[in-house]
């Protein structure tokens, strides 16, 4: 007799996993001053964050494809164990060098927490229910954005920075146990083929690319180390070309290139890339405007960002409720329209702009991101069958991350070119205005792409029956 999956308990497990993956992006940043005060190694400050993102990005598509081959459950369990190991080691680190290495391990595990919950949701739930679950799952990212900085500050001030890593252990253990007991899959009958050449060329190429962008972003307004950046980018280009040639010939490619021939998925991925670029400006440069141009404190800039932390999760939940009635196309068009309105509004600001006006724009941006990113993930889940769902979701997440990475590099160059190391509010405002005009144009491009989405529902494409 085949055991039945308890979908409610599995969903709880996935919510916990998503929360852990989301909170890692904010809680560590808040704790970094306390960590460097204890361990020293201030020169490695940025690497504690960068190396985690680097290994997460590299591992994300690998987990997606492996889960298509071996099943979600064993791959998720393996990734969670790696995440637990990295968290434990990070908590006991005795130097910044050790912490950087242990964070790399943690990032390798986090790739599974970021990708596989969405693939499992796609497997277990029919389209309408999947959309609602996805809305709640996406809202977790907004909640983590509120809880993360607060929890990080409280743990550093009243307990120890080490507990920002140790706190992962009980939550990850609960998530792991629930999934172990309540998720039941049909074993794969055919012998899987692992695309080792593709994994190696992709991993090394992506490492070179991300390392180059990290060096580019960390020049702190000084001379960019082109002698290091250029060779890394050249190696990355060569390896990516080799990777695509390998994928064309592989019987089980790590990233199936036929995914990019699916019109809906290609349009959603392109839109995800563009909107991730806009997201970079919201997260990194609006606080800079509040502090550097408006002359307010860091705390005040955090308060100014609160509307987004409210509207993003609310819009994510709303998208999950409405997608079955309106379809993802209408939701994406509405979301991108909101992002265009808010981006255009940013171009109207100057140093005398009221905080209330800025907070309204930030709230609109949050709603746009919540509606769009939730709709994108639902589309990626539904545009293919189960055998490619992990790869499809992982590829979409990878493309969005690349959008953020490239956005940071390009906008960093614009801002550093337009301002000096000692912040001059006038020069900074001028350079940020250029950034705001750029994202307004990007929003227009995203709107055009959203109009090209097919009018029929994505639930009709590549559907696999839900797993029971």
Foldseek 3Di string as FASTA:
>chain_A
DADAFPVVLLLVLLLLLLLLLLLVLFQVVLQLVLVCVQAPPVVCSVLLNLLLLLLLLLQQLLLLLVCLFWNLLVSLLVLLVQLLQLLLQLLPDRHSVSSSVSSNSNSNSSSSSNFSSLLQLLQADAQLVSLLSLLQSQLSSLVSNVVRNVVSVCCVVPNNNSVVSVVSNVSSVSSSVSCVPRDDDDGDDDDDDDLVLLSVLSSQLSSLQSVLLVQLLPPLLDDRPCVSNVVSNVSSVVSVVVNVVSLVPDPRRSQNPCLCVLLQLVLLLLLLLLLLLVVLCLVPPQLVCCCQQLVDDSVVSVVLLVLLSVQQSVLSSVLSNCCVPQNLLVLLLVLLVLLLVLLVLLLPDGNPDDSVSSSVSSNSNSNSNNSSVSSSSSLLSQQAESSCSSSSSSVSVSSNVVSNSVSSSVLSVLQSVQAHSPRDNVSNSVSVSVVSVVSSVSSVVSSVSSVPNDPDHSNVHRYDHHGD
